Amino acid sequence: MLIGPTLGRYFAARFARTVLGVFITVFALVYTLDFVELLRRAGEAEGASTGLMAQLSLYRTPAVAEGVLPFAVLFGSMAALLQLSRKLELVVARAAGISAWQFLQPGFFVALALGAAAVGIYNPVSAMLKQRSTEIEAKIFAKATKAGSGKDLWIRQRGLDGEAIVRAETAIEGTTTLAGVSVFTFDEAGKFAQQLVAARATLHDGYWELSDVRVLTPEMPPESFDTYLIASNLDPGQVRQRFTPPESVPFWQLPTTIARTERAGLDATRYRLQYDVLWARPVLFVAMVLVAATVSLRFFRFGGVGKLVLGGVAAGFALYVVRQVMEGLGASGLVAAPVAAWFPAVVGSLLGTLTLLYQEDG
């Protein structure tokens, strides 16, 4: 039996407000911490103004905050149910003959709606902003980053003129472009030939295109070029896949990325897993509402609410650990990607339903 429309809208509004309130709070906290860290790094870079750092942090934060969405649903649902219980609104609803399953229906609807919005709207926007932030970071911080920091990217290749080792300070996600590049070339006999220092390097079919290049050789004085080409045997698809994590690919582009990766003869398991994980996200949000309900429906006058809330936090953390383990198994190929993606959501929903059946109907 469905809940009445007026009461349903009221409960749905309470769920939506608390969930969004928790998420906005976490978003603001992440933004503040990231902004402070960027201001610290800005002292080592030219042209890194406070306004630009604020913009860069705003671009970076959505991708980080996306990972806390399930916990926002969990804690927001717990807060909404506890507030309704504290104000005795759930008591009145029960006295009117409304069961727990009925006044949880608005929470399920809100969870599904937020899950669909998170997958179809928020994820593509956050991925786009993340790529934009990578481009800005490459322009600002590439020259300021100290070589040998342990975060550099290294590629070894063989071209028509011999071997070359490419070191880059950062990669622009979703592309084959590297920033802060140094290329060490060797002749066919393995002897060092020259070092190329470039602001950027983009891999095309059969060659690297370097821009703003300075050429250093043992015998000749340094020379500067606007553009410099180096032969390469690397596949652009492989380089793009290596430097583009699945989390940085927008949801609507994942099918195309999977097909392109497979046509290139590469392993698309990580992208398939990410695609299934996003599809399962609305169901995971529903599981979080069920977990919240198992620990938030106790009347305040009975006491012990604090222990139940702590139990809900522990249950959410356990579900997070299970999700991480399953995604790791799915990425390694030990578990099928659909199983790894849907297992936490389905199992969490079933366990939450079982607990509520025992509490409410048992």
Protein backbone atom coordinates (compact mmCIF):
# COMPACT_ATOMS: atom_id res chain seq x y z
CA MET A 1 0.00 0.00 0.00
CA LEU A 2 1.31 3.41 -0.97
CA ILE A 3 1.60 6.30 1.44
CA GLY A 4 -0.70 9.31 1.00
CA PRO A 5 0.54 12.02 -1.39
CA THR A 6 0.59 14.85 1.16
CA LEU A 7 2.44 12.90 3.85
CA GLY A 8 4.65 11.34 1.19
CA ARG A 9 5.73 14.76 -0.11
CA TYR A 10 6.41 15.90 3.45
CA PHE A 11 8.62 12.89 4.24
CA ALA A 12 10.33 13.11 0.86
CA ALA A 13 11.19 16.77 1.47
CA ARG A 14 12.66 15.89 4.87
CA PHE A 15 14.81 13.15 3.34
CA ALA A 16 15.96 15.35 0.46
CA ARG A 17 16.85 18.29 2.74
CA THR A 18 18.93 16.26 5.15
CA VAL A 19 20.74 14.26 2.47
CA LEU A 20 21.57 17.37 0.45
CA GLY A 21 22.53 19.19 3.64
CA VAL A 22 25.03 16.49 4.56
CA PHE A 23 26.45 16.43 1.05
CA ILE A 24 26.79 20.22 0.82
CA THR A 25 28.54 20.26 4.19
CA VAL A 26 31.05 17.63 3.08
CA PHE A 27 31.47 19.38 -0.28
CA ALA A 28 32.27 22.67 1.47
CA LEU A 29 34.74 20.94 3.80
CA VAL A 30 36.54 19.22 0.92
CA TYR A 31 36.63 22.48 -1.04
CA THR A 32 38.11 24.40 1.88
CA LEU A 33 40.84 21.84 2.54
CA ASP A 34 41.72 21.58 -1.15
CA PHE A 35 41.77 25.36 -1.54
CA VAL A 36 44.17 25.73 1.38
CA GLU A 37 46.45 23.05 -0.09
CA LEU A 38 46.42 24.75 -3.51
CA LEU A 39 47.29 28.09 -1.91
CA ARG A 40 50.28 26.42 -0.29
CA ARG A 41 51.40 25.02 -3.66
CA ALA A 42 50.74 28.34 -5.40
CA GLY A 43 53.79 29.89 -3.76
CA GLU A 44 56.01 27.74 -6.00
CA ALA A 45 54.28 28.60 -9.28
CA GLU A 46 54.06 31.71 -11.43
CA GLY A 47 50.65 33.19 -12.22
CA ALA A 48 48.88 31.18 -9.51
CA SER A 49 46.56 33.86 -8.15
CA THR A 50 44.11 33.34 -5.32
CA GLY A 51 41.14 33.61 -7.68
CA LEU A 52 42.59 31.02 -10.02
CA MET A 53 43.27 28.67 -7.11
CA ALA A 54 39.68 29.08 -5.93
CA GLN A 55 38.46 28.21 -9.43
CA LEU A 56 40.80 25.24 -9.69
CA SER A 57 39.66 23.89 -6.33
CA LEU A 58 36.04 24.26 -7.43
CA TYR A 59 36.84 22.15 -10.50
CA ARG A 60 38.59 19.47 -8.44
CA THR A 61 36.14 19.12 -5.56
CA PRO A 62 33.14 17.50 -7.34
CA ALA A 63 35.16 14.43 -8.33
CA VAL A 64 36.37 13.97 -4.75
CA ALA A 65 32.94 14.63 -3.23
CA GLU A 66 31.34 12.08 -5.57
CA GLY A 67 32.88 9.30 -3.50
CA VAL A 68 30.99 10.39 -0.36
CA LEU A 69 27.55 10.43 -1.98
CA PRO A 70 26.52 7.02 -0.53
CA PHE A 71 27.52 8.20 2.96
CA ALA A 72 25.59 11.43 2.46
CA VAL A 73 22.50 9.33 1.73
CA LEU A 74 23.19 7.13 4.78
CA PHE A 75 23.79 9.93 7.28
CA GLY A 76 21.11 12.15 5.76
CA SER A 77 18.53 9.36 6.00
CA MET A 78 19.55 8.63 9.59
CA ALA A 79 19.22 12.31 10.48
CA ALA A 80 15.80 12.58 8.80
CA LEU A 81 14.39 9.51 10.55
CA LEU A 82 15.84 10.52 13.93
CA GLN A 83 14.32 14.00 13.61
CA LEU A 84 10.93 12.52 12.71
CA SER A 85 11.20 10.14 15.65
CA ARG A 86 12.32 12.84 18.09
CA LYS A 87 9.38 15.05 17.16
CA LEU A 88 7.04 12.03 17.54
CA GLU A 89 5.92 12.35 13.92
CA LEU A 90 6.67 8.68 13.34
CA VAL A 91 4.65 7.83 16.44
CA VAL A 92 1.66 9.70 15.02
CA ALA A 93 2.14 8.01 11.65
CA ARG A 94 2.21 4.58 13.27
CA ALA A 95 -0.87 5.43 15.33
CA ALA A 96 -2.65 6.33 12.08
CA GLY A 97 -1.97 2.84 10.79
CA ILE A 98 1.02 3.71 8.57
CA SER A 99 3.70 1.02 8.64
CA ALA A 100 7.44 1.55 8.49
CA TRP A 101 7.46 0.32 4.90
CA GLN A 102 5.02 3.04 3.95
CA PHE A 103 6.83 5.99 5.51
CA LEU A 104 10.11 4.69 4.06
CA GLN A 105 8.69 4.86 0.52
CA PRO A 106 9.52 8.60 0.14
CA GLY A 107 13.07 7.84 1.25
CA PHE A 108 13.37 5.13 -1.40
CA PHE A 109 12.03 7.51 -4.05
CA VAL A 110 14.48 10.25 -3.02
CA ALA A 111 17.36 7.75 -3.04
CA LEU A 112 16.48 6.52 -6.54
CA ALA A 113 16.04 10.08 -7.84
CA LEU A 114 19.35 11.22 -6.33
CA GLY A 115 21.07 8.11 -7.67
CA ALA A 116 19.78 8.75 -11.18
CA ALA A 117 20.84 12.41 -10.99
CA ALA A 118 24.25 11.44 -9.60
CA VAL A 119 24.84 9.06 -12.50
CA GLY A 120 23.29 10.96 -15.38
CA ILE A 121 24.14 14.55 -14.45
CA TYR A 122 26.60 14.88 -11.57
CA ASN A 123 29.10 12.27 -12.78
CA PRO A 124 29.52 13.70 -16.32
CA VAL A 125 29.86 17.23 -14.94
CA SER A 126 32.42 16.21 -12.29
CA ALA A 127 34.45 14.23 -14.86
CA MET A 128 34.45 17.21 -17.25
CA LEU A 129 35.54 19.58 -14.47
CA LYS A 130 38.21 17.12 -13.34
CA GLN A 131 39.71 17.04 -16.83
CA ARG A 132 39.59 20.83 -16.98
CA SER A 133 41.34 21.04 -13.61
CA THR A 134 44.07 18.70 -14.90
CA GLU A 135 44.71 21.02 -17.84
CA ILE A 136 44.95 24.06 -15.56
CA GLU A 137 47.28 22.24 -13.17
CA ALA A 138 49.48 21.21 -16.08
CA LYS A 139 49.87 24.84 -17.14
CA ILE A 140 50.46 26.24 -13.66
CA PHE A 141 52.31 23.61 -11.65
CA ALA A 142 54.23 21.56 -14.23
CA LYS A 143 57.27 23.84 -14.17
CA ALA A 144 57.05 24.29 -10.42
CA THR A 145 57.00 20.55 -9.68
CA LYS A 146 60.34 19.23 -8.59
CA ALA A 147 61.75 16.43 -10.66
CA GLY A 148 62.25 13.15 -8.93
CA SER A 149 59.34 13.68 -6.56
CA GLY A 150 58.19 10.13 -7.13
CA LYS A 151 55.02 11.25 -8.90
CA ASP A 152 56.55 11.60 -12.36
CA LEU A 153 55.31 9.51 -15.27
CA TRP A 154 57.84 7.42 -17.18
CA ILE A 155 57.50 5.86 -20.63
CA ARG A 156 60.07 3.89 -22.57
CA GLN A 157 59.68 3.59 -26.33
CA ARG A 158 61.54 2.68 -29.51
CA GLY A 159 61.39 4.80 -32.63
CA LEU A 160 63.06 4.89 -36.02
CA ASP A 161 66.10 6.70 -34.56
CA GLY A 162 66.54 4.44 -31.53
CA GLU A 163 65.22 4.25 -28.00
CA ALA A 164 63.85 7.12 -25.94
CA ILE A 165 62.74 7.59 -22.36
CA VAL A 166 59.94 10.06 -21.75
CA ARG A 167 59.43 11.62 -18.33
CA ALA A 168 56.40 13.80 -17.64
CA GLU A 169 55.32 15.63 -14.53
CA THR A 170 51.60 15.25 -15.26
CA ALA A 171 49.19 13.86 -17.83
CA ILE A 172 45.98 15.49 -19.01
CA GLU A 173 43.25 12.91 -18.44
CA GLY A 174 41.27 11.75 -21.43
CA THR A 175 43.99 12.79 -23.87
CA THR A 176 47.45 11.71 -24.99
CA THR A 177 49.00 14.99 -23.86
CA LEU A 178 51.74 15.19 -21.24
CA ALA A 179 53.02 18.33 -19.51
CA GLY A 180 56.42 19.14 -18.07
CA VAL A 181 58.16 16.71 -20.42
CA SER A 182 61.78 15.60 -20.65
CA VAL A 183 62.80 13.16 -23.38
CA PHE A 184 66.14 11.34 -23.26
CA THR A 185 67.02 9.87 -26.67
CA PHE A 186 69.62 7.22 -27.49
CA ASP A 187 71.06 6.15 -30.83
CA GLU A 188 70.86 2.61 -32.22
CA ALA A 189 74.03 1.66 -30.34
CA GLY A 190 72.42 2.69 -27.04
CA LYS A 191 74.57 5.82 -26.61
CA PHE A 192 72.96 8.96 -25.19
CA ALA A 193 72.14 11.38 -28.00
CA GLN A 194 70.22 14.35 -26.63
CA GLN A 195 67.74 15.61 -24.06
CA LEU A 196 64.58 17.43 -25.05
CA VAL A 197 62.83 19.62 -22.50
CA ALA A 198 59.30 20.60 -23.56
CA ALA A 199 56.28 22.27 -22.02
CA ARG A 200 53.97 19.72 -23.63
CA ALA A 201 54.05 16.55 -25.68
CA THR A 202 51.12 15.02 -27.56
CA LEU A 203 51.25 11.51 -28.97
CA HIS A 204 49.89 11.03 -32.48
CA ASP A 205 49.96 7.93 -34.67
CA GLY A 206 53.68 7.23 -35.11
CA TYR A 207 55.17 10.32 -33.48
CA TRP A 208 55.31 12.68 -30.52
CA GLU A 209 54.64 16.37 -31.12
CA LEU A 210 56.56 18.49 -28.61
CA SER A 211 55.86 22.19 -28.10
CA ASP A 212 58.07 24.93 -26.64
CA VAL A 213 61.15 22.70 -26.83
CA ARG A 214 64.74 23.16 -25.71
CA VAL A 215 67.25 20.68 -27.18
CA LEU A 216 70.36 19.82 -25.14
CA THR A 217 73.17 17.79 -26.72
CA PRO A 218 76.71 16.98 -25.45
CA GLU A 219 78.47 18.49 -28.47
CA MET A 220 76.24 21.43 -29.45
CA PRO A 221 74.97 24.52 -27.61
CA PRO A 222 71.29 24.44 -26.54
CA GLU A 223 68.71 25.19 -29.22
CA SER A 224 65.05 26.18 -28.89
CA PHE A 225 62.14 25.21 -31.16
CA ASP A 226 58.44 25.95 -31.12
CA THR A 227 57.64 22.42 -32.31
CA TYR A 228 59.69 19.24 -32.43
CA LEU A 229 58.70 15.76 -33.67
CA ILE A 230 59.98 12.41 -32.43
CA ALA A 231 59.14 9.05 -34.01
CA SER A 232 57.31 6.62 -31.73
CA ASN A 233 55.98 3.06 -31.85
CA LEU A 234 53.46 3.67 -29.04
CA ASP A 235 49.74 3.28 -29.56
CA PRO A 236 47.81 6.45 -28.62
CA GLY A 237 44.98 4.29 -27.30
CA GLN A 238 47.29 2.53 -24.87
CA VAL A 239 48.73 5.82 -23.61
CA ARG A 240 45.26 7.33 -23.23
CA GLN A 241 44.06 4.31 -21.27
CA ARG A 242 47.12 4.30 -19.04
CA PHE A 243 46.73 7.94 -18.03
CA THR A 244 42.90 8.07 -17.89
CA PRO A 245 41.42 6.30 -14.85
CA PRO A 246 37.87 4.99 -15.32
CA GLU A 247 36.56 7.45 -12.72
CA SER A 248 37.55 10.32 -15.02
CA VAL A 249 35.42 9.11 -17.94
CA PRO A 250 31.86 10.57 -17.97
CA PHE A 251 29.06 8.03 -17.68
CA TRP A 252 27.65 8.78 -21.13
CA GLN A 253 31.07 8.29 -22.75
CA LEU A 254 31.86 4.95 -21.08
CA PRO A 255 30.18 2.75 -23.76
CA THR A 256 32.19 4.50 -26.49
CA THR A 257 35.38 4.23 -24.44
CA ILE A 258 34.78 0.51 -23.84
CA ALA A 259 34.17 -0.16 -27.54
CA ARG A 260 37.21 1.88 -28.61
CA THR A 261 39.43 0.14 -26.06
CA GLU A 262 38.32 -3.31 -27.17
CA ARG A 263 38.78 -2.45 -30.86
CA ALA A 264 42.35 -1.53 -30.03
CA GLY A 265 42.84 -4.98 -28.50
CA LEU A 266 43.18 -3.60 -24.96
CA ASP A 267 41.61 -4.75 -21.72
CA ALA A 268 38.44 -2.78 -20.99
CA THR A 269 37.64 -4.50 -17.67
CA ARG A 270 38.16 -1.37 -15.56
CA TYR A 271 35.85 0.69 -17.75
CA ARG A 272 33.18 -2.04 -17.77
CA LEU A 273 33.39 -2.22 -13.99
CA GLN A 274 32.99 1.54 -13.67
CA TYR A 275 29.98 1.45 -16.01
CA ASP A 276 28.29 -1.26 -13.92
CA VAL A 277 29.18 0.53 -10.66
CA LEU A 278 27.42 3.67 -11.88
CA TRP A 279 24.38 1.67 -12.98
CA ALA A 280 24.20 0.11 -9.51
CA ARG A 281 24.51 3.45 -7.69
CA PRO A 282 20.75 4.16 -7.32
CA VAL A 283 20.25 0.71 -5.80
CA LEU A 284 23.21 1.35 -3.49
CA PHE A 285 21.52 4.55 -2.32
CA VAL A 286 18.36 2.57 -1.55
CA ALA A 287 20.49 0.12 0.44
CA MET A 288 21.84 3.05 2.44
CA VAL A 289 18.28 4.17 3.27
CA LEU A 290 17.46 0.64 4.45
CA VAL A 291 20.61 0.54 6.60
CA ALA A 292 19.70 3.92 8.07
CA ALA A 293 16.17 2.71 8.82
CA THR A 294 17.41 -0.32 10.75
CA VAL A 295 19.11 1.94 13.31
CA SER A 296 16.91 5.06 13.29
CA LEU A 297 13.33 3.90 13.95
CA ARG A 298 13.71 3.36 17.70
CA PHE A 299 11.70 5.76 19.83
CA PHE A 300 13.77 8.30 21.72
CA ARG A 301 12.04 7.53 25.01
CA PHE A 302 13.35 3.95 24.85
CA GLY A 303 16.95 5.23 24.95
CA GLY A 304 19.97 3.62 23.37
CA VAL A 305 19.76 5.78 20.24
CA GLY A 306 23.45 6.62 20.39
CA LYS A 307 24.46 2.96 20.21
CA LEU A 308 22.12 2.39 17.29
CA VAL A 309 23.55 5.36 15.39
CA LEU A 310 27.06 4.07 16.01
CA GLY A 311 25.90 0.71 14.68
CA GLY A 312 24.59 2.41 11.55
CA VAL A 313 27.93 4.12 11.00
CA ALA A 314 29.70 0.77 11.44
CA ALA A 315 27.29 -0.90 9.01
CA GLY A 316 27.91 1.82 6.43
CA PHE A 317 31.66 1.47 6.85
CA ALA A 318 31.40 -2.32 6.48
CA LEU A 319 29.39 -1.88 3.29
CA TYR A 320 32.04 0.53 2.01
CA VAL A 321 34.81 -2.00 2.71
CA VAL A 322 32.85 -4.74 0.94
CA ARG A 323 32.34 -2.45 -2.04
CA GLN A 324 36.05 -1.61 -2.25
CA VAL A 325 37.03 -5.29 -2.00
CA MET A 326 34.55 -6.34 -4.67
CA GLU A 327 35.62 -3.55 -7.01
CA GLY A 328 39.25 -4.58 -6.52
CA LEU A 329 38.37 -8.17 -7.37
CA GLY A 330 36.38 -7.01 -10.38
CA ALA A 331 39.22 -4.80 -11.66
CA SER A 332 41.66 -7.71 -11.39
CA GLY A 333 39.33 -10.00 -13.31
CA LEU A 334 38.82 -12.45 -10.42
CA VAL A 335 35.13 -11.60 -10.29
CA ALA A 336 32.86 -10.67 -13.18
CA ALA A 337 32.37 -6.90 -13.44
CA PRO A 338 28.53 -7.00 -13.05
CA VAL A 339 28.82 -9.21 -9.96
CA ALA A 340 31.47 -6.98 -8.39
CA ALA A 341 29.44 -3.82 -9.10
CA TRP A 342 26.01 -5.04 -7.99
CA PHE A 343 27.01 -7.27 -5.06
CA PRO A 344 27.31 -4.52 -2.38
CA ALA A 345 24.06 -2.82 -3.43
CA VAL A 346 22.02 -6.01 -3.65
CA VAL A 347 23.42 -7.61 -0.49
CA GLY A 348 23.07 -4.35 1.46
CA SER A 349 19.44 -4.03 0.34
CA LEU A 350 18.64 -7.63 1.23
CA LEU A 351 20.27 -7.42 4.66
CA GLY A 352 18.53 -4.13 5.41
CA THR A 353 15.18 -5.58 4.32
CA LEU A 354 15.73 -8.69 6.43
CA THR A 355 16.59 -6.63 9.51
CA LEU A 356 13.55 -4.40 9.07
CA LEU A 357 11.28 -7.41 8.59
CA TYR A 358 12.58 -8.79 11.87
CA GLN A 359 12.23 -5.46 13.70
CA GLU A 360 8.86 -4.39 12.30
CA ASP A 361 7.05 -7.62 11.45
CA GLY A 362 8.91 -10.24 13.47
